[in-house]
Amino acid sequence: MKTAFLLAAIGIAASPAVASPSSDHASLIAAADAFDAAQIAKDGPRIARALRDDLVYIEGSGKRLGKNDFVAGWTAPGDRFDPLKLIDRTVTMLGGDAGVVGAEVNLCGTSGGERFCSRIRYADTFVRVGRKWRVAHIQVTRIKQ
């Protein structure tokens, strides 16, 4: 009986801590904020680390692209981006290891010396790989002005 109790106690002590739903939610938001900041800063290595290698990226035109295309789009020479103001942000947990973070934004800046501004709604699907949130799917929808 003592052996069974000891084994059970060791098993409980050795099992990984289970994150609470609120800590999952908070860590997902923190990962989404860091991902947005990396994009605005044009930090290619940080953007790439946040993405899964098999990323599915659906741009505003509906074209399916991948990780390299996404990184290249945010790090093009000469492009500059204004800080983002998130409108109507949504966070949907899909269990403890997946979630979707989305918002509407006016993505503005300069490209090729010309000012641009595009209103979009995006949805970034994150999955937890080990202890890190990584982006597996990005969907962008252009909103007509």
N, C-alpha and C. Protein backbone atom coordinates (compact mmCIF):
# COMPACT_ATOMS: atom_id res chain seq x y z
N MET A 1 0.82 -1.20 0.00
CA MET A 1 0.00 0.00 0.00
C MET A 1 0.86 1.25 0.00
N LYS A 2 1.93 1.24 0.83
CA LYS A 2 2.82 2.40 0.87
C LYS A 2 3.49 2.59 -0.48
N THR A 3 3.85 1.50 -1.16
CA THR A 3 4.51 1.60 -2.46
C THR A 3 3.57 2.23 -3.48
N ALA A 4 2.32 1.81 -3.48
CA ALA A 4 1.35 2.38 -4.42
C ALA A 4 1.16 3.87 -4.17
N PHE A 5 1.08 4.23 -2.87
CA PHE A 5 0.93 5.65 -2.54
C PHE A 5 2.16 6.44 -2.98
N LEU A 6 3.36 5.90 -2.74
CA LEU A 6 4.60 6.56 -3.11
C LEU A 6 4.69 6.73 -4.63
N LEU A 7 4.34 5.69 -5.37
CA LEU A 7 4.37 5.79 -6.84
C LEU A 7 3.38 6.83 -7.34
N ALA A 8 2.21 6.86 -6.74
CA ALA A 8 1.21 7.85 -7.14
C ALA A 8 1.71 9.26 -6.84
N ALA A 9 2.33 9.44 -5.67
CA ALA A 9 2.84 10.76 -5.31
C ALA A 9 3.96 11.18 -6.25
N ILE A 10 4.85 10.26 -6.60
CA ILE A 10 5.93 10.58 -7.53
C ILE A 10 5.35 10.91 -8.90
N GLY A 11 4.37 10.16 -9.33
CA GLY A 11 3.74 10.43 -10.63
C GLY A 11 3.11 11.80 -10.68
N ILE A 12 2.46 12.18 -9.61
CA ILE A 12 1.83 13.50 -9.58
C ILE A 12 2.90 14.58 -9.56
N ALA A 13 3.93 14.38 -8.74
CA ALA A 13 4.99 15.38 -8.65
C ALA A 13 5.75 15.51 -9.96
N ALA A 14 5.89 14.41 -10.71
CA ALA A 14 6.66 14.43 -11.95
C ALA A 14 5.85 14.92 -13.14
N SER A 15 4.52 14.95 -13.01
CA SER A 15 3.72 15.37 -14.14
C SER A 15 3.86 16.87 -14.36
N PRO A 16 3.86 17.31 -15.62
CA PRO A 16 4.02 18.74 -15.89
C PRO A 16 2.83 19.53 -15.37
N ALA A 17 3.08 20.74 -14.97
CA ALA A 17 2.01 21.60 -14.50
C ALA A 17 1.09 21.92 -15.67
N VAL A 18 -0.18 21.91 -15.40
CA VAL A 18 -1.17 22.23 -16.43
C VAL A 18 -1.48 23.71 -16.32
N ALA A 19 -1.33 24.42 -17.42
CA ALA A 19 -1.61 25.85 -17.42
C ALA A 19 -3.10 26.08 -17.28
N SER A 20 -3.46 27.12 -16.60
CA SER A 20 -4.87 27.45 -16.46
C SER A 20 -5.35 28.10 -17.76
N PRO A 21 -6.65 28.02 -18.02
CA PRO A 21 -7.17 28.66 -19.23
C PRO A 21 -6.82 30.15 -19.31
N SER A 22 -6.83 30.84 -18.17
CA SER A 22 -6.51 32.28 -18.22
C SER A 22 -5.04 32.52 -18.55
N SER A 23 -4.14 31.62 -18.09
CA SER A 23 -2.73 31.80 -18.43
C SER A 23 -2.49 31.45 -19.89
N ASP A 24 -3.22 30.46 -20.44
CA ASP A 24 -3.12 30.15 -21.87
C ASP A 24 -3.55 31.37 -22.69
N HIS A 25 -4.66 31.97 -22.29
CA HIS A 25 -5.20 33.15 -22.98
C HIS A 25 -4.19 34.29 -22.92
N ALA A 26 -3.64 34.55 -21.75
CA ALA A 26 -2.67 35.65 -21.58
C ALA A 26 -1.39 35.38 -22.37
N SER A 27 -0.91 34.15 -22.36
CA SER A 27 0.33 33.85 -23.10
C SER A 27 0.10 33.93 -24.60
N LEU A 28 -1.09 33.56 -25.06
CA LEU A 28 -1.41 33.68 -26.49
C LEU A 28 -1.46 35.14 -26.91
N ILE A 29 -2.07 35.99 -26.10
CA ILE A 29 -2.12 37.42 -26.42
C ILE A 29 -0.70 38.00 -26.44
N ALA A 30 0.12 37.61 -25.48
CA ALA A 30 1.51 38.10 -25.45
C ALA A 30 2.26 37.68 -26.72
N ALA A 31 2.05 36.44 -27.17
CA ALA A 31 2.70 35.96 -28.39
C ALA A 31 2.19 36.73 -29.60
N ALA A 32 0.88 37.00 -29.66
CA ALA A 32 0.31 37.75 -30.77
C ALA A 32 0.86 39.19 -30.79
N ASP A 33 0.96 39.81 -29.62
CA ASP A 33 1.51 41.17 -29.54
C ASP A 33 2.97 41.19 -30.01
N ALA A 34 3.75 40.19 -29.60
CA ALA A 34 5.16 40.12 -30.00
C ALA A 34 5.28 39.91 -31.51
N PHE A 35 4.39 39.09 -32.06
CA PHE A 35 4.38 38.83 -33.50
C PHE A 35 4.05 40.11 -34.27
N ASP A 36 3.05 40.86 -33.82
CA ASP A 36 2.69 42.14 -34.47
C ASP A 36 3.87 43.11 -34.39
N ALA A 37 4.50 43.20 -33.23
CA ALA A 37 5.62 44.13 -33.05
C ALA A 37 6.79 43.77 -33.97
N ALA A 38 7.06 42.48 -34.14
CA ALA A 38 8.14 42.04 -35.03
C ALA A 38 7.85 42.46 -36.47
N GLN A 39 6.58 42.37 -36.87
CA GLN A 39 6.23 42.76 -38.23
C GLN A 39 6.43 44.26 -38.44
N ILE A 40 5.92 45.08 -37.54
CA ILE A 40 6.04 46.53 -37.67
C ILE A 40 7.51 46.95 -37.64
N ALA A 41 8.32 46.24 -36.84
CA ALA A 41 9.75 46.55 -36.74
C ALA A 41 10.55 45.99 -37.92
N LYS A 42 9.89 45.22 -38.78
CA LYS A 42 10.55 44.59 -39.94
C LYS A 42 11.69 43.68 -39.49
N ASP A 43 11.48 42.98 -38.38
CA ASP A 43 12.49 42.11 -37.80
C ASP A 43 12.33 40.70 -38.38
N GLY A 44 12.97 40.48 -39.53
CA GLY A 44 12.84 39.21 -40.24
C GLY A 44 13.12 37.98 -39.40
N PRO A 45 14.23 37.93 -38.64
CA PRO A 45 14.49 36.75 -37.82
C PRO A 45 13.40 36.49 -36.77
N ARG A 46 12.91 37.56 -36.13
CA ARG A 46 11.84 37.37 -35.13
C ARG A 46 10.55 36.92 -35.79
N ILE A 47 10.24 37.49 -36.96
CA ILE A 47 9.04 37.07 -37.68
C ILE A 47 9.16 35.58 -38.03
N ALA A 48 10.29 35.20 -38.59
CA ALA A 48 10.50 33.81 -39.02
C ALA A 48 10.39 32.84 -37.85
N ARG A 49 10.94 33.21 -36.69
CA ARG A 49 10.88 32.32 -35.52
C ARG A 49 9.45 32.14 -35.03
N ALA A 50 8.60 33.14 -35.25
CA ALA A 50 7.21 33.05 -34.81
C ALA A 50 6.36 32.16 -35.71
N LEU A 51 6.85 31.88 -36.91
CA LEU A 51 6.07 31.13 -37.91
C LEU A 51 6.49 29.67 -37.96
N ARG A 52 5.52 28.81 -38.16
CA ARG A 52 5.85 27.41 -38.45
C ARG A 52 6.41 27.36 -39.87
N ASP A 53 7.29 26.39 -40.12
CA ASP A 53 7.86 26.26 -41.46
C ASP A 53 6.80 25.95 -42.51
N ASP A 54 5.73 25.27 -42.10
CA ASP A 54 4.65 24.90 -43.03
C ASP A 54 3.49 25.91 -43.00
N LEU A 55 3.79 27.16 -42.64
CA LEU A 55 2.78 28.21 -42.58
C LEU A 55 1.93 28.24 -43.84
N VAL A 56 0.63 28.40 -43.65
CA VAL A 56 -0.29 28.69 -44.75
C VAL A 56 -0.68 30.15 -44.58
N TYR A 57 -0.37 30.96 -45.59
CA TYR A 57 -0.65 32.39 -45.57
C TYR A 57 -1.56 32.72 -46.74
N ILE A 58 -2.78 33.14 -46.43
CA ILE A 58 -3.74 33.54 -47.45
C ILE A 58 -3.80 35.06 -47.44
N GLU A 59 -3.24 35.67 -48.51
CA GLU A 59 -3.21 37.14 -48.56
C GLU A 59 -4.58 37.69 -48.95
N GLY A 60 -4.69 39.01 -48.92
CA GLY A 60 -5.97 39.67 -49.17
C GLY A 60 -6.61 39.36 -50.50
N SER A 61 -5.80 39.00 -51.50
CA SER A 61 -6.36 38.66 -52.81
C SER A 61 -6.89 37.23 -52.86
N GLY A 62 -6.61 36.46 -51.83
CA GLY A 62 -7.02 35.06 -51.79
C GLY A 62 -5.92 34.10 -52.19
N LYS A 63 -4.77 34.63 -52.61
CA LYS A 63 -3.65 33.78 -53.03
C LYS A 63 -3.01 33.10 -51.83
N ARG A 64 -2.71 31.81 -52.00
CA ARG A 64 -2.06 31.04 -50.94
C ARG A 64 -0.54 31.15 -51.07
N LEU A 65 0.10 31.54 -50.00
CA LEU A 65 1.55 31.70 -49.96
C LEU A 65 2.10 30.97 -48.74
N GLY A 66 3.40 31.11 -48.50
CA GLY A 66 4.02 30.42 -47.39
C GLY A 66 4.88 31.33 -46.53
N LYS A 67 5.68 30.70 -45.70
CA LYS A 67 6.51 31.41 -44.72
C LYS A 67 7.46 32.41 -45.36
N ASN A 68 8.21 31.99 -46.36
CA ASN A 68 9.18 32.90 -46.98
C ASN A 68 8.50 34.11 -47.60
N ASP A 69 7.34 33.91 -48.21
CA ASP A 69 6.59 35.03 -48.80
C ASP A 69 6.15 36.02 -47.73
N PHE A 70 5.68 35.48 -46.60
CA PHE A 70 5.21 36.34 -45.52
C PHE A 70 6.36 37.18 -44.97
N VAL A 71 7.48 36.55 -44.69
CA VAL A 71 8.64 37.28 -44.16
C VAL A 71 9.10 38.33 -45.16
N ALA A 72 9.20 37.96 -46.44
CA ALA A 72 9.65 38.90 -47.47
C ALA A 72 8.71 40.11 -47.57
N GLY A 73 7.42 39.88 -47.44
CA GLY A 73 6.46 40.97 -47.53
C GLY A 73 6.61 42.00 -46.42
N TRP A 74 7.03 41.57 -45.24
CA TRP A 74 7.19 42.48 -44.11
C TRP A 74 8.58 43.07 -44.01
N THR A 75 9.53 42.57 -44.78
CA THR A 75 10.91 43.05 -44.65
C THR A 75 11.45 43.67 -45.94
N ALA A 76 10.57 43.97 -46.87
CA ALA A 76 11.01 44.56 -48.15
C ALA A 76 11.78 45.86 -47.90
N PRO A 77 12.92 46.02 -48.59
CA PRO A 77 13.71 47.25 -48.41
C PRO A 77 12.89 48.49 -48.78
N GLY A 78 13.05 49.52 -47.99
CA GLY A 78 12.37 50.78 -48.29
C GLY A 78 10.97 50.90 -47.73
N ASP A 79 10.37 49.79 -47.32
CA ASP A 79 9.02 49.85 -46.75
C ASP A 79 9.10 50.25 -45.28
N ARG A 80 8.17 51.06 -44.84
CA ARG A 80 8.05 51.46 -43.44
C ARG A 80 6.58 51.36 -43.04
N PHE A 81 6.35 50.94 -41.81
CA PHE A 81 4.99 50.75 -41.33
C PHE A 81 4.71 51.63 -40.12
N ASP A 82 3.52 52.19 -40.09
CA ASP A 82 3.08 52.97 -38.93
C ASP A 82 2.70 51.99 -37.82
N PRO A 83 2.72 52.45 -36.57
CA PRO A 83 2.24 51.59 -35.47
C PRO A 83 0.80 51.16 -35.73
N LEU A 84 0.46 49.98 -35.29
CA LEU A 84 -0.89 49.45 -35.49
C LEU A 84 -1.81 49.82 -34.34
N LYS A 85 -3.04 50.12 -34.67
CA LYS A 85 -4.09 50.27 -33.68
C LYS A 85 -5.10 49.15 -33.97
N LEU A 86 -5.18 48.20 -33.06
CA LEU A 86 -6.09 47.07 -33.25
C LEU A 86 -7.52 47.50 -32.94
N ILE A 87 -8.42 47.12 -33.84
CA ILE A 87 -9.84 47.43 -33.69
C ILE A 87 -10.58 46.10 -33.60
N ASP A 88 -11.46 45.98 -32.63
CA ASP A 88 -12.30 44.79 -32.50
C ASP A 88 -11.47 43.50 -32.47
N ARG A 89 -10.50 43.46 -31.58
CA ARG A 89 -9.64 42.28 -31.46
C ARG A 89 -10.44 41.10 -30.92
N THR A 90 -10.17 39.95 -31.49
CA THR A 90 -10.81 38.72 -31.03
C THR A 90 -9.73 37.72 -30.65
N VAL A 91 -10.02 36.95 -29.62
CA VAL A 91 -9.14 35.86 -29.19
C VAL A 91 -10.03 34.66 -28.93
N THR A 92 -9.79 33.60 -29.70
CA THR A 92 -10.59 32.39 -29.57
C THR A 92 -9.66 31.23 -29.25
N MET A 93 -9.76 30.71 -28.04
CA MET A 93 -8.95 29.55 -27.67
C MET A 93 -9.58 28.30 -28.31
N LEU A 94 -8.73 27.46 -28.86
CA LEU A 94 -9.18 26.21 -29.48
C LEU A 94 -8.60 25.03 -28.70
N GLY A 95 -8.72 25.11 -27.40
CA GLY A 95 -8.10 24.13 -26.51
C GLY A 95 -6.87 24.76 -25.89
N GLY A 96 -6.08 23.97 -25.18
CA GLY A 96 -4.92 24.50 -24.49
C GLY A 96 -3.74 24.80 -25.37
N ASP A 97 -3.70 24.25 -26.58
CA ASP A 97 -2.52 24.39 -27.42
C ASP A 97 -2.80 25.01 -28.78
N ALA A 98 -3.92 25.70 -28.93
CA ALA A 98 -4.23 26.36 -30.20
C ALA A 98 -5.20 27.50 -29.94
N GLY A 99 -5.10 28.52 -30.77
CA GLY A 99 -6.00 29.65 -30.65
C GLY A 99 -5.88 30.55 -31.87
N VAL A 100 -6.90 31.37 -32.06
CA VAL A 100 -6.94 32.30 -33.18
C VAL A 100 -7.03 33.72 -32.61
N VAL A 101 -6.13 34.58 -33.07
CA VAL A 101 -6.15 35.98 -32.67
C VAL A 101 -6.36 36.80 -33.94
N GLY A 102 -7.34 37.68 -33.89
CA GLY A 102 -7.62 38.49 -35.06
C GLY A 102 -8.00 39.89 -34.66
N ALA A 103 -8.03 40.76 -35.65
CA ALA A 103 -8.44 42.15 -35.44
C ALA A 103 -8.61 42.82 -36.79
N GLU A 104 -9.16 43.99 -36.74
CA GLU A 104 -9.21 44.87 -37.90
C GLU A 104 -8.14 45.93 -37.68
N VAL A 105 -7.42 46.28 -38.74
CA VAL A 105 -6.39 47.32 -38.64
C VAL A 105 -6.38 48.15 -39.90
N ASN A 106 -5.92 49.38 -39.75
CA ASN A 106 -5.57 50.21 -40.89
C ASN A 106 -4.06 50.07 -41.00
N LEU A 107 -3.60 49.29 -41.96
CA LEU A 107 -2.18 49.08 -42.16
C LEU A 107 -1.68 50.20 -43.07
N CYS A 108 -0.89 51.09 -42.49
CA CYS A 108 -0.42 52.26 -43.23
C CYS A 108 1.09 52.36 -43.14
N GLY A 109 1.67 53.08 -44.08
CA GLY A 109 3.10 53.31 -44.09
C GLY A 109 3.53 53.87 -45.42
N THR A 110 4.79 53.58 -45.78
CA THR A 110 5.30 54.00 -47.09
C THR A 110 5.95 52.81 -47.77
N SER A 111 5.80 52.75 -49.07
CA SER A 111 6.40 51.71 -49.89
C SER A 111 6.83 52.35 -51.20
N GLY A 112 8.10 52.19 -51.55
CA GLY A 112 8.61 52.81 -52.77
C GLY A 112 8.47 54.32 -52.76
N GLY A 113 8.53 54.91 -51.57
CA GLY A 113 8.40 56.36 -51.43
C GLY A 113 6.98 56.87 -51.46
N GLU A 114 6.03 55.98 -51.65
CA GLU A 114 4.61 56.37 -51.73
C GLU A 114 3.88 55.97 -50.44
N ARG A 115 3.01 56.82 -50.00
CA ARG A 115 2.17 56.55 -48.83
C ARG A 115 1.09 55.54 -49.21
N PHE A 116 0.82 54.59 -48.31
CA PHE A 116 -0.27 53.64 -48.53
C PHE A 116 -1.05 53.46 -47.24
N CYS A 117 -2.27 53.04 -47.37
CA CYS A 117 -3.10 52.70 -46.23
C CYS A 117 -4.13 51.68 -46.71
N SER A 118 -4.18 50.56 -46.04
CA SER A 118 -5.09 49.49 -46.41
C SER A 118 -5.81 49.01 -45.16
N ARG A 119 -7.10 48.93 -45.24
CA ARG A 119 -7.90 48.44 -44.11
C ARG A 119 -8.08 46.94 -44.30
N ILE A 120 -7.70 46.17 -43.27
CA ILE A 120 -7.79 44.71 -43.35
C ILE A 120 -8.34 44.13 -42.06
N ARG A 121 -8.82 42.92 -42.17
CA ARG A 121 -9.12 42.09 -41.01
C ARG A 121 -8.26 40.86 -41.19
N TYR A 122 -7.61 40.45 -40.11
CA TYR A 122 -6.73 39.28 -40.18
C TYR A 122 -7.10 38.29 -39.08
N ALA A 123 -6.73 37.06 -39.31
CA ALA A 123 -6.87 36.00 -38.31
C ALA A 123 -5.58 35.19 -38.34
N ASP A 124 -4.88 35.19 -37.21
CA ASP A 124 -3.65 34.41 -37.06
C ASP A 124 -3.94 33.21 -36.17
N THR A 125 -3.73 32.02 -36.70
CA THR A 125 -3.94 30.80 -35.92
C THR A 125 -2.61 30.36 -35.34
N PHE A 126 -2.57 30.30 -34.02
CA PHE A 126 -1.37 29.90 -33.30
C PHE A 126 -1.52 28.48 -32.76
N VAL A 127 -0.43 27.75 -32.75
CA VAL A 127 -0.37 26.45 -32.08
C VAL A 127 0.83 26.48 -31.14
N ARG A 128 0.69 25.78 -30.02
CA ARG A 128 1.80 25.73 -29.09
C ARG A 128 2.70 24.57 -29.47
N VAL A 129 3.97 24.89 -29.69
CA VAL A 129 4.98 23.88 -30.02
C VAL A 129 5.97 23.92 -28.85
N GLY A 130 5.98 22.85 -28.05
CA GLY A 130 6.75 22.89 -26.82
C GLY A 130 6.11 23.92 -25.90
N ARG A 131 6.85 24.93 -25.54
CA ARG A 131 6.32 25.99 -24.67
C ARG A 131 6.11 27.30 -25.42
N LYS A 132 6.28 27.28 -26.75
CA LYS A 132 6.20 28.51 -27.55
C LYS A 132 4.98 28.48 -28.46
N TRP A 133 4.32 29.62 -28.58
CA TRP A 133 3.25 29.77 -29.55
C TRP A 133 3.88 30.08 -30.91
N ARG A 134 3.43 29.38 -31.95
CA ARG A 134 3.92 29.61 -33.31
C ARG A 134 2.71 29.76 -34.22
N VAL A 135 2.86 30.57 -35.26
CA VAL A 135 1.75 30.84 -36.18
C VAL A 135 1.73 29.76 -37.26
N ALA A 136 0.58 29.12 -37.41
CA ALA A 136 0.41 28.04 -38.38
C ALA A 136 -0.38 28.49 -39.61
N HIS A 137 -1.24 29.50 -39.45
CA HIS A 137 -2.12 29.92 -40.54
C HIS A 137 -2.44 31.39 -40.37
N ILE A 138 -2.38 32.13 -41.47
CA ILE A 138 -2.73 33.55 -41.47
C ILE A 138 -3.72 33.78 -42.60
N GLN A 139 -4.82 34.42 -42.27
CA GLN A 139 -5.84 34.77 -43.26
C GLN A 139 -6.04 36.28 -43.23
N VAL A 140 -5.90 36.94 -44.36
CA VAL A 140 -6.08 38.38 -44.46
C VAL A 140 -7.24 38.66 -45.40
N THR A 141 -8.13 39.56 -44.97
CA THR A 141 -9.24 39.99 -45.81
C THR A 141 -9.19 41.50 -45.93
N ARG A 142 -9.17 41.99 -47.16
CA ARG A 142 -9.19 43.43 -47.38
C ARG A 142 -10.62 43.94 -47.17
N ILE A 143 -10.73 45.10 -46.54
CA ILE A 143 -12.03 45.72 -46.32
C ILE A 143 -12.12 46.93 -47.24
N LYS A 144 -13.15 46.97 -48.04
CA LYS A 144 -13.31 48.11 -48.96
C LYS A 144 -13.52 49.38 -48.16
N GLN A 145 -12.86 50.44 -48.62
CA GLN A 145 -12.96 51.75 -47.93
C GLN A 145 -14.30 52.38 -48.20
